[in-house]
N, C-alpha and C. Protein backbone atom coordinates (compact mmCIF):
# COMPACT_ATOMS: atom_id res chain seq x y z
N MET A 1 9.32 281.40 134.18
CA MET A 1 8.99 281.33 132.78
C MET A 1 7.52 280.96 132.59
N ALA A 2 6.93 281.52 131.59
CA ALA A 2 5.54 281.21 131.28
C ALA A 2 5.46 279.88 130.54
N LYS A 3 4.41 279.14 130.83
CA LYS A 3 4.22 277.86 130.16
C LYS A 3 3.70 278.10 128.75
N LYS A 4 4.20 277.31 127.83
CA LYS A 4 3.72 277.41 126.45
C LYS A 4 2.42 276.63 126.34
N LYS A 5 1.49 277.22 125.66
CA LYS A 5 0.21 276.56 125.45
C LYS A 5 0.35 275.64 124.25
N VAL A 6 0.10 274.37 124.47
CA VAL A 6 0.22 273.38 123.41
C VAL A 6 -1.16 273.20 122.79
N THR A 7 -1.26 273.46 121.51
CA THR A 7 -2.51 273.26 120.81
C THR A 7 -2.45 271.91 120.11
N PRO A 8 -3.45 271.07 120.33
CA PRO A 8 -3.43 269.75 119.67
C PRO A 8 -3.62 269.90 118.17
N LYS A 9 -2.95 269.03 117.43
CA LYS A 9 -3.10 269.05 115.97
C LYS A 9 -4.48 268.51 115.62
N LYS A 10 -5.13 269.17 114.70
CA LYS A 10 -6.45 268.74 114.28
C LYS A 10 -6.29 267.59 113.29
N GLU A 11 -6.78 266.42 113.70
CA GLU A 11 -6.71 265.27 112.83
C GLU A 11 -7.94 265.23 111.95
N LEU A 12 -7.74 264.92 110.69
CA LEU A 12 -8.87 264.77 109.78
C LEU A 12 -9.53 263.43 110.05
N PRO A 13 -10.85 263.38 109.95
CA PRO A 13 -11.54 262.11 110.18
C PRO A 13 -11.22 261.10 109.08
N LYS A 14 -11.30 259.83 109.43
CA LYS A 14 -11.09 258.78 108.44
C LYS A 14 -12.37 258.66 107.63
N VAL A 15 -12.24 258.81 106.32
CA VAL A 15 -13.41 258.75 105.44
C VAL A 15 -13.11 257.83 104.27
N HIS A 16 -14.15 257.45 103.57
CA HIS A 16 -14.02 256.62 102.37
C HIS A 16 -13.20 257.39 101.33
N THR A 17 -12.49 256.66 100.49
CA THR A 17 -11.63 257.32 99.51
C THR A 17 -12.40 258.22 98.55
N GLU A 18 -13.66 257.91 98.27
CA GLU A 18 -14.46 258.76 97.39
C GLU A 18 -14.78 260.11 98.03
N LEU A 19 -14.71 260.17 99.35
CA LEU A 19 -15.01 261.42 100.06
C LEU A 19 -13.74 262.02 100.65
N GLY A 20 -12.62 261.77 100.04
CA GLY A 20 -11.34 262.28 100.53
C GLY A 20 -11.36 263.79 100.73
N GLY A 21 -10.81 264.25 101.84
CA GLY A 21 -10.79 265.67 102.13
C GLY A 21 -12.05 266.18 102.80
N PHE A 22 -12.96 265.27 103.15
CA PHE A 22 -14.22 265.68 103.78
C PHE A 22 -13.95 266.20 105.18
N ASP A 23 -14.49 267.36 105.47
CA ASP A 23 -14.39 267.95 106.80
C ASP A 23 -15.71 268.65 107.10
N ILE A 24 -16.15 268.54 108.33
CA ILE A 24 -17.41 269.15 108.72
C ILE A 24 -17.21 269.86 110.05
N SER A 25 -17.82 271.03 110.19
CA SER A 25 -17.71 271.78 111.44
C SER A 25 -18.96 272.62 111.62
N ILE A 26 -19.15 273.12 112.83
CA ILE A 26 -20.28 273.98 113.15
C ILE A 26 -19.73 275.32 113.59
N ASN A 27 -20.17 276.40 112.94
CA ASN A 27 -19.65 277.73 113.28
C ASN A 27 -20.37 278.31 114.50
N SER A 28 -20.01 279.51 114.87
CA SER A 28 -20.57 280.13 116.08
C SER A 28 -22.06 280.45 115.96
N PHE A 29 -22.59 280.44 114.73
CA PHE A 29 -24.01 280.70 114.53
C PHE A 29 -24.82 279.40 114.47
N GLY A 30 -24.15 278.25 114.62
CA GLY A 30 -24.83 276.96 114.58
C GLY A 30 -25.00 276.42 113.17
N GLU A 31 -24.36 277.06 112.21
CA GLU A 31 -24.45 276.60 110.83
C GLU A 31 -23.43 275.49 110.59
N ILE A 32 -23.84 274.50 109.80
CA ILE A 32 -22.95 273.39 109.47
C ILE A 32 -22.14 273.75 108.23
N ASN A 33 -20.82 273.66 108.35
CA ASN A 33 -19.92 273.94 107.23
C ASN A 33 -19.30 272.63 106.78
N ARG A 34 -19.38 272.36 105.47
CA ARG A 34 -18.84 271.14 104.90
C ARG A 34 -17.83 271.50 103.83
N SER A 35 -16.84 270.62 103.67
CA SER A 35 -15.86 270.84 102.62
C SER A 35 -16.28 270.19 101.31
N ILE A 36 -17.33 269.38 101.35
CA ILE A 36 -17.84 268.71 100.14
C ILE A 36 -19.32 269.07 100.00
N ASP A 37 -19.75 269.28 98.77
CA ASP A 37 -21.13 269.64 98.48
C ASP A 37 -22.09 268.56 98.96
N ILE A 38 -23.22 268.95 99.51
CA ILE A 38 -24.20 268.01 100.06
C ILE A 38 -24.73 267.06 99.00
N ASP A 39 -24.83 267.50 97.75
CA ASP A 39 -25.30 266.63 96.67
C ASP A 39 -24.34 265.47 96.45
N LYS A 40 -23.05 265.73 96.54
CA LYS A 40 -22.06 264.67 96.38
C LYS A 40 -22.14 263.68 97.54
N ILE A 41 -22.38 264.17 98.74
CA ILE A 41 -22.52 263.30 99.91
C ILE A 41 -23.76 262.43 99.76
N ASN A 42 -24.89 263.02 99.34
CA ASN A 42 -26.12 262.26 99.14
C ASN A 42 -25.96 261.20 98.05
N GLU A 43 -25.28 261.55 96.98
CA GLU A 43 -25.03 260.59 95.90
C GLU A 43 -24.22 259.40 96.43
N PHE A 44 -23.21 259.68 97.22
CA PHE A 44 -22.39 258.63 97.82
C PHE A 44 -23.24 257.74 98.72
N LEU A 45 -24.06 258.34 99.58
CA LEU A 45 -24.90 257.57 100.50
C LEU A 45 -25.92 256.72 99.75
N ASN A 46 -26.50 257.26 98.70
CA ASN A 46 -27.47 256.49 97.91
C ASN A 46 -26.81 255.27 97.26
N LYS A 47 -25.57 255.41 96.88
CA LYS A 47 -24.86 254.32 96.21
C LYS A 47 -24.40 253.25 97.21
N HIS A 48 -24.01 253.64 98.42
CA HIS A 48 -23.37 252.72 99.35
C HIS A 48 -24.21 252.30 100.55
N MET A 49 -25.31 252.96 100.82
CA MET A 49 -26.10 252.65 102.01
C MET A 49 -27.46 252.09 101.61
N ASP A 50 -27.95 251.18 102.44
CA ASP A 50 -29.26 250.59 102.24
C ASP A 50 -30.27 251.36 103.08
N ASP A 51 -31.36 251.79 102.47
CA ASP A 51 -32.41 252.50 103.20
C ASP A 51 -33.48 251.51 103.63
N LYS A 52 -33.59 251.28 104.93
CA LYS A 52 -34.54 250.29 105.46
C LYS A 52 -35.98 250.61 105.07
N LYS A 53 -36.31 251.89 105.00
CA LYS A 53 -37.68 252.28 104.70
C LYS A 53 -38.09 251.93 103.27
N LEU A 54 -37.10 251.79 102.38
CA LEU A 54 -37.41 251.52 100.98
C LEU A 54 -37.29 250.05 100.61
N ARG A 55 -36.97 249.19 101.57
CA ARG A 55 -36.87 247.76 101.29
C ARG A 55 -38.23 247.21 100.90
N GLY A 56 -38.25 246.35 99.89
CA GLY A 56 -39.49 245.69 99.48
C GLY A 56 -40.36 246.52 98.57
N ARG A 57 -40.00 247.73 98.30
CA ARG A 57 -40.79 248.55 97.37
C ARG A 57 -40.27 248.36 95.95
N ASP A 58 -41.18 248.46 95.01
CA ASP A 58 -40.76 248.44 93.60
C ASP A 58 -40.19 249.79 93.26
N GLU A 59 -39.31 249.82 92.29
CA GLU A 59 -38.72 251.09 91.85
C GLU A 59 -39.77 252.05 91.32
N GLU A 60 -40.88 251.52 90.78
CA GLU A 60 -41.93 252.37 90.22
C GLU A 60 -42.66 253.16 91.30
N GLU A 61 -42.78 252.59 92.52
CA GLU A 61 -43.51 253.23 93.60
C GLU A 61 -42.73 254.37 94.23
N VAL A 62 -41.41 254.33 94.15
CA VAL A 62 -40.57 255.31 94.83
C VAL A 62 -40.64 256.61 94.20
């Protein structure tokens, strides 16, 4: 009898609830495919992450 090929189930990455359903992959041409628009990802990062390069600057200078 031939052995059955077992394909592992693709687990979705654990992400923040605001980014639910986020999936990212690279196709055969090297292009990055995302399930969420990059603007939404950037908005999330701006809200939740601290940018070390911008510490100590006034909002007017940025």
